[in-house]
Amino acid sequence: MRNNNCILNLLKVIDLLQKNSTTGCSLELGCDRPYLGPSSTMICYNTRPISLYKKDGSLFQVANYSVFRVEKVENDCVVLQALSGTSPNFVATGEMVTISANCFCVIRCFPDTSITCL
């Protein structure tokens, strides 16, 4: 059966970009731009922070955190790390959660940033 989950596919792209964040940067905009960071003349970032919205339209939160870093995607399961702070100054919390990408219908991307990964 073919996977048509656009949220899952986008999370896979973000995961891959973060794992390969030492490649160049791009001026393209949007969640699916092919590189992390704002331009080829700047240091590239290692994180594309995201928020997810459930099918009922409510913001997904874990322990009062609503911004996350994709850590791993396997099948339709996604491991997220909660981020604290505000854009672009997010900080990794070390708090992880595993979700099913099928539970979400909206993804919001924040500007790329660099965080210290735990």
N, C-alpha and C. Protein backbone atom coordinates (compact mmCIF):
# COMPACT_ATOMS: atom_id res chain seq x y z
N MET A 1 0.84 -1.18 0.00
CA MET A 1 0.00 0.00 0.00
C MET A 1 0.89 1.25 0.00
N ARG A 2 0.60 2.19 -0.84
CA ARG A 2 1.38 3.41 -0.96
C ARG A 2 1.05 4.38 0.16
N ASN A 3 2.08 5.01 0.73
CA ASN A 3 1.89 5.97 1.81
C ASN A 3 1.61 7.34 1.21
N ASN A 4 0.44 7.90 1.49
CA ASN A 4 0.07 9.22 1.00
C ASN A 4 0.02 10.25 2.12
N ASN A 5 0.65 9.98 3.25
CA ASN A 5 0.62 10.89 4.39
C ASN A 5 1.62 12.02 4.16
N CYS A 6 1.13 13.20 3.77
CA CYS A 6 2.02 14.31 3.46
C CYS A 6 2.78 14.80 4.71
N ILE A 7 2.17 14.72 5.87
CA ILE A 7 2.86 15.11 7.10
C ILE A 7 4.04 14.19 7.35
N LEU A 8 3.83 12.89 7.24
CA LEU A 8 4.91 11.92 7.44
C LEU A 8 6.02 12.16 6.42
N ASN A 9 5.65 12.36 5.18
CA ASN A 9 6.66 12.61 4.15
C ASN A 9 7.47 13.87 4.44
N LEU A 10 6.82 14.91 4.91
CA LEU A 10 7.51 16.15 5.24
C LEU A 10 8.43 15.95 6.45
N LEU A 11 7.98 15.20 7.45
CA LEU A 11 8.82 14.91 8.61
C LEU A 11 10.06 14.12 8.20
N LYS A 12 9.92 13.22 7.24
CA LYS A 12 11.08 12.48 6.72
C LYS A 12 12.07 13.42 6.04
N VAL A 13 11.57 14.38 5.29
CA VAL A 13 12.44 15.36 4.64
C VAL A 13 13.18 16.18 5.68
N ILE A 14 12.48 16.65 6.69
CA ILE A 14 13.11 17.45 7.74
C ILE A 14 14.16 16.62 8.47
N ASP A 15 13.86 15.37 8.78
CA ASP A 15 14.82 14.48 9.45
C ASP A 15 16.08 14.34 8.60
N LEU A 16 15.92 14.09 7.33
CA LEU A 16 17.06 13.93 6.43
C LEU A 16 17.88 15.22 6.33
N LEU A 17 17.21 16.36 6.22
CA LEU A 17 17.91 17.64 6.16
C LEU A 17 18.73 17.89 7.41
N GLN A 18 18.17 17.59 8.57
CA GLN A 18 18.88 17.80 9.82
C GLN A 18 20.08 16.87 9.93
N LYS A 19 19.94 15.64 9.47
CA LYS A 19 21.05 14.69 9.52
C LYS A 19 22.17 15.08 8.56
N ASN A 20 21.83 15.80 7.50
CA ASN A 20 22.80 16.23 6.50
C ASN A 20 23.02 17.73 6.53
N SER A 21 22.93 18.34 7.69
CA SER A 21 22.93 19.80 7.79
C SER A 21 24.27 20.45 7.48
N THR A 22 25.30 19.68 7.14
CA THR A 22 26.58 20.29 6.78
C THR A 22 26.65 20.62 5.29
N THR A 23 25.62 20.25 4.51
CA THR A 23 25.59 20.62 3.09
C THR A 23 25.17 22.07 2.97
N GLY A 24 25.19 22.74 1.90
CA GLY A 24 24.92 24.16 1.74
C GLY A 24 23.60 24.64 2.26
N CYS A 25 23.30 25.88 1.95
CA CYS A 25 22.04 26.50 2.35
C CYS A 25 21.33 27.00 1.10
N SER A 26 20.11 27.47 1.26
CA SER A 26 19.32 27.89 0.11
C SER A 26 18.45 29.08 0.48
N LEU A 27 18.06 29.85 -0.50
CA LEU A 27 17.16 30.97 -0.28
C LEU A 27 15.70 30.57 -0.46
N GLU A 28 15.44 29.31 -0.81
CA GLU A 28 14.06 28.87 -0.98
C GLU A 28 13.32 28.92 0.35
N LEU A 29 12.00 29.11 0.30
CA LEU A 29 11.20 29.22 1.51
C LEU A 29 10.28 28.02 1.63
N GLY A 30 9.71 27.83 2.81
CA GLY A 30 8.74 26.76 3.03
C GLY A 30 9.32 25.60 3.81
N CYS A 31 8.43 24.75 4.30
CA CYS A 31 8.85 23.61 5.11
C CYS A 31 9.69 22.61 4.32
N ASP A 32 9.50 22.54 3.02
CA ASP A 32 10.19 21.53 2.22
C ASP A 32 11.39 22.07 1.45
N ARG A 33 11.90 23.27 1.81
CA ARG A 33 13.08 23.75 1.12
C ARG A 33 14.22 22.76 1.36
N PRO A 34 15.12 22.58 0.41
CA PRO A 34 16.04 21.45 0.44
C PRO A 34 17.24 21.58 1.38
N TYR A 35 17.44 22.73 2.02
CA TYR A 35 18.58 22.90 2.92
C TYR A 35 18.13 23.64 4.17
N LEU A 36 18.90 23.48 5.24
CA LEU A 36 18.65 24.24 6.45
C LEU A 36 19.42 25.55 6.38
N GLY A 37 18.83 26.62 6.79
CA GLY A 37 19.51 27.90 6.83
C GLY A 37 19.00 28.88 5.80
N PRO A 38 19.25 30.17 6.00
CA PRO A 38 18.69 31.20 5.15
C PRO A 38 19.46 31.49 3.86
N SER A 39 20.78 31.32 3.81
CA SER A 39 21.52 31.65 2.59
C SER A 39 22.85 30.92 2.54
N SER A 40 23.44 30.88 1.36
CA SER A 40 24.71 30.17 1.19
C SER A 40 25.88 30.93 1.78
N THR A 41 25.69 32.17 2.20
CA THR A 41 26.76 32.95 2.79
C THR A 41 26.75 32.89 4.32
N MET A 42 25.79 32.19 4.89
CA MET A 42 25.68 32.10 6.33
C MET A 42 25.95 30.68 6.80
N ILE A 43 26.30 30.53 8.05
CA ILE A 43 26.49 29.21 8.62
C ILE A 43 25.16 28.48 8.63
N CYS A 44 25.17 27.25 8.20
CA CYS A 44 23.93 26.49 8.16
C CYS A 44 23.52 26.04 9.56
N TYR A 45 22.24 25.85 9.71
CA TYR A 45 21.69 25.45 10.99
C TYR A 45 21.50 23.95 11.03
N ASN A 46 21.19 23.42 12.22
CA ASN A 46 21.02 21.98 12.37
C ASN A 46 19.59 21.58 12.73
N THR A 47 18.69 22.54 12.81
CA THR A 47 17.33 22.22 13.26
C THR A 47 16.30 23.05 12.52
N ARG A 48 15.23 22.39 12.11
CA ARG A 48 14.05 23.08 11.59
C ARG A 48 12.94 22.84 12.61
N PRO A 49 12.75 23.76 13.59
CA PRO A 49 11.74 23.57 14.62
C PRO A 49 10.34 23.49 14.02
N ILE A 50 9.51 22.64 14.62
CA ILE A 50 8.15 22.45 14.11
C ILE A 50 7.15 22.43 15.26
N SER A 51 5.92 22.75 14.93
CA SER A 51 4.76 22.50 15.79
C SER A 51 3.79 21.68 14.96
N LEU A 52 3.04 20.83 15.64
CA LEU A 52 2.06 19.97 14.97
C LEU A 52 0.67 20.25 15.53
N TYR A 53 -0.32 20.11 14.66
CA TYR A 53 -1.70 20.30 15.06
C TYR A 53 -2.46 19.00 14.83
N LYS A 54 -3.25 18.63 15.84
CA LYS A 54 -4.03 17.40 15.76
C LYS A 54 -5.20 17.57 14.79
N LYS A 55 -5.83 16.46 14.48
CA LYS A 55 -6.93 16.47 13.51
C LYS A 55 -8.10 17.33 13.96
N ASP A 56 -8.25 17.54 15.27
CA ASP A 56 -9.32 18.40 15.76
C ASP A 56 -8.94 19.89 15.72
N GLY A 57 -7.73 20.20 15.22
CA GLY A 57 -7.28 21.58 15.09
C GLY A 57 -6.50 22.11 16.28
N SER A 58 -6.40 21.32 17.36
CA SER A 58 -5.69 21.79 18.55
C SER A 58 -4.19 21.55 18.42
N LEU A 59 -3.43 22.42 19.06
CA LEU A 59 -1.98 22.34 19.06
C LEU A 59 -1.52 21.15 19.88
N PHE A 60 -0.61 20.35 19.33
CA PHE A 60 -0.04 19.22 20.04
C PHE A 60 0.98 19.73 21.05
N GLN A 61 0.81 19.32 22.31
CA GLN A 61 1.73 19.73 23.38
C GLN A 61 2.10 18.53 24.23
N VAL A 62 3.31 18.58 24.76
CA VAL A 62 3.79 17.58 25.71
C VAL A 62 4.45 18.35 26.84
N ALA A 63 3.93 18.19 28.04
CA ALA A 63 4.47 18.87 29.22
C ALA A 63 4.68 20.37 28.96
N ASN A 64 3.68 21.01 28.37
CA ASN A 64 3.68 22.44 28.06
C ASN A 64 4.65 22.84 26.95
N TYR A 65 5.24 21.89 26.25
CA TYR A 65 6.09 22.18 25.10
C TYR A 65 5.29 21.96 23.84
N SER A 66 5.40 22.89 22.90
CA SER A 66 4.67 22.74 21.64
C SER A 66 5.57 22.89 20.42
N VAL A 67 6.86 23.08 20.64
CA VAL A 67 7.82 23.16 19.53
C VAL A 67 8.79 22.00 19.67
N PHE A 68 9.08 21.36 18.53
CA PHE A 68 9.87 20.12 18.57
C PHE A 68 10.92 20.09 17.48
N ARG A 69 11.90 19.20 17.70
CA ARG A 69 12.91 18.87 16.71
C ARG A 69 12.70 17.41 16.32
N VAL A 70 12.67 17.10 15.03
CA VAL A 70 12.55 15.72 14.58
C VAL A 70 13.88 15.02 14.86
N GLU A 71 13.82 13.93 15.60
CA GLU A 71 15.03 13.18 15.92
C GLU A 71 15.16 11.91 15.10
N LYS A 72 14.03 11.29 14.76
CA LYS A 72 14.09 10.02 14.04
C LYS A 72 12.71 9.73 13.44
N VAL A 73 12.70 9.17 12.23
CA VAL A 73 11.46 8.75 11.58
C VAL A 73 11.64 7.29 11.17
N GLU A 74 10.72 6.47 11.62
CA GLU A 74 10.77 5.05 11.28
C GLU A 74 9.34 4.57 11.04
N ASN A 75 9.08 4.14 9.81
CA ASN A 75 7.72 3.81 9.39
C ASN A 75 6.84 5.03 9.61
N ASP A 76 5.72 4.93 10.33
CA ASP A 76 4.91 6.12 10.59
C ASP A 76 5.14 6.68 11.98
N CYS A 77 6.16 6.16 12.68
CA CYS A 77 6.50 6.65 14.02
C CYS A 77 7.61 7.70 13.92
N VAL A 78 7.45 8.76 14.69
CA VAL A 78 8.40 9.86 14.68
C VAL A 78 8.81 10.15 16.11
N VAL A 79 10.12 10.22 16.34
CA VAL A 79 10.63 10.62 17.65
C VAL A 79 10.93 12.11 17.59
N LEU A 80 10.32 12.85 18.50
CA LEU A 80 10.50 14.29 18.58
C LEU A 80 11.17 14.65 19.89
N GLN A 81 12.00 15.69 19.85
CA GLN A 81 12.56 16.25 21.08
C GLN A 81 11.91 17.61 21.31
N ALA A 82 11.41 17.82 22.51
CA ALA A 82 10.79 19.10 22.87
C ALA A 82 11.85 20.19 22.93
N LEU A 83 11.49 21.37 22.44
CA LEU A 83 12.36 22.53 22.49
C LEU A 83 11.71 23.59 23.37
N SER A 84 12.52 24.28 24.14
CA SER A 84 12.00 25.39 24.94
C SER A 84 12.53 26.69 24.36
N GLY A 85 11.95 27.81 24.79
CA GLY A 85 12.37 29.11 24.30
C GLY A 85 11.47 29.60 23.20
N THR A 86 11.93 30.65 22.53
CA THR A 86 11.18 31.23 21.43
C THR A 86 12.09 31.35 20.20
N SER A 87 11.46 31.40 19.05
CA SER A 87 12.21 31.47 17.79
C SER A 87 13.02 32.75 17.74
N PRO A 88 14.25 32.71 17.33
CA PRO A 88 15.04 31.58 16.88
C PRO A 88 15.92 30.98 17.97
N ASN A 89 15.65 31.30 19.22
CA ASN A 89 16.52 30.89 20.33
C ASN A 89 15.98 29.69 21.08
N PHE A 90 15.72 28.62 20.37
CA PHE A 90 15.23 27.40 21.01
C PHE A 90 16.39 26.65 21.67
N VAL A 91 16.03 25.89 22.71
CA VAL A 91 17.00 25.08 23.44
C VAL A 91 16.45 23.67 23.55
N ALA A 92 17.30 22.69 23.31
CA ALA A 92 16.89 21.29 23.44
C ALA A 92 16.63 20.97 24.91
N THR A 93 15.54 20.26 25.18
CA THR A 93 15.19 19.93 26.56
C THR A 93 15.62 18.53 26.96
N GLY A 94 15.86 17.67 25.98
CA GLY A 94 16.16 16.28 26.28
C GLY A 94 14.92 15.43 26.48
N GLU A 95 13.75 16.08 26.47
CA GLU A 95 12.49 15.34 26.62
C GLU A 95 12.05 14.84 25.25
N MET A 96 11.93 13.51 25.14
CA MET A 96 11.56 12.88 23.87
C MET A 96 10.16 12.31 23.94
N VAL A 97 9.52 12.27 22.78
CA VAL A 97 8.20 11.68 22.65
C VAL A 97 8.14 10.98 21.29
N THR A 98 7.47 9.83 21.26
CA THR A 98 7.26 9.12 20.01
C THR A 98 5.80 9.26 19.62
N ILE A 99 5.57 9.67 18.39
CA ILE A 99 4.21 9.92 17.91
C ILE A 99 3.95 9.12 16.63
N SER A 100 2.68 8.97 16.31
CA SER A 100 2.29 8.44 15.02
C SER A 100 1.96 9.64 14.14
N ALA A 101 2.63 9.75 13.00
CA ALA A 101 2.40 10.89 12.11
C ALA A 101 0.97 10.92 11.60
N ASN A 102 0.26 9.80 11.67
CA ASN A 102 -1.11 9.74 11.20
C ASN A 102 -2.09 10.53 12.07
N CYS A 103 -1.65 10.97 13.25
CA CYS A 103 -2.52 11.69 14.17
C CYS A 103 -2.58 13.19 13.91
N PHE A 104 -1.83 13.67 12.91
CA PHE A 104 -1.70 15.11 12.71
C PHE A 104 -2.13 15.51 11.30
N CYS A 105 -2.64 16.75 11.20
CA CYS A 105 -3.07 17.22 9.88
C CYS A 105 -2.42 18.53 9.48
N VAL A 106 -1.71 19.19 10.40
CA VAL A 106 -1.05 20.45 10.09
C VAL A 106 0.34 20.45 10.73
N ILE A 107 1.32 20.94 9.98
CA ILE A 107 2.66 21.14 10.51
C ILE A 107 3.03 22.59 10.29
N ARG A 108 3.62 23.20 11.29
CA ARG A 108 4.08 24.58 11.19
C ARG A 108 5.59 24.56 11.38
N CYS A 109 6.31 25.16 10.45
CA CYS A 109 7.77 25.24 10.55
C CYS A 109 8.17 26.63 11.01
N PHE A 110 9.14 26.67 11.89
CA PHE A 110 9.73 27.92 12.35
C PHE A 110 11.04 28.14 11.60
N PRO A 111 11.58 29.35 11.63
CA PRO A 111 12.87 29.58 10.96
C PRO A 111 13.93 28.60 11.48
N ASP A 112 14.77 28.14 10.55
CA ASP A 112 15.85 27.24 10.92
C ASP A 112 16.73 27.88 11.97
N THR A 113 17.30 27.03 12.84
CA THR A 113 18.13 27.51 13.92
C THR A 113 19.19 26.48 14.23
N SER A 114 20.10 26.84 15.08
CA SER A 114 21.11 25.90 15.54
C SER A 114 20.90 25.68 17.02
N ILE A 115 20.76 24.41 17.41
CA ILE A 115 20.63 24.10 18.83
C ILE A 115 21.70 23.09 19.20
N THR A 116 22.01 23.05 20.48
CA THR A 116 22.88 22.01 20.98
C THR A 116 22.03 20.79 21.20
N CYS A 117 22.30 19.75 20.43
CA CYS A 117 21.50 18.53 20.52
C CYS A 117 21.98 17.70 21.70
N LEU A 118 21.05 17.18 22.46
CA LEU A 118 21.39 16.36 23.61
C LEU A 118 21.51 14.91 23.21
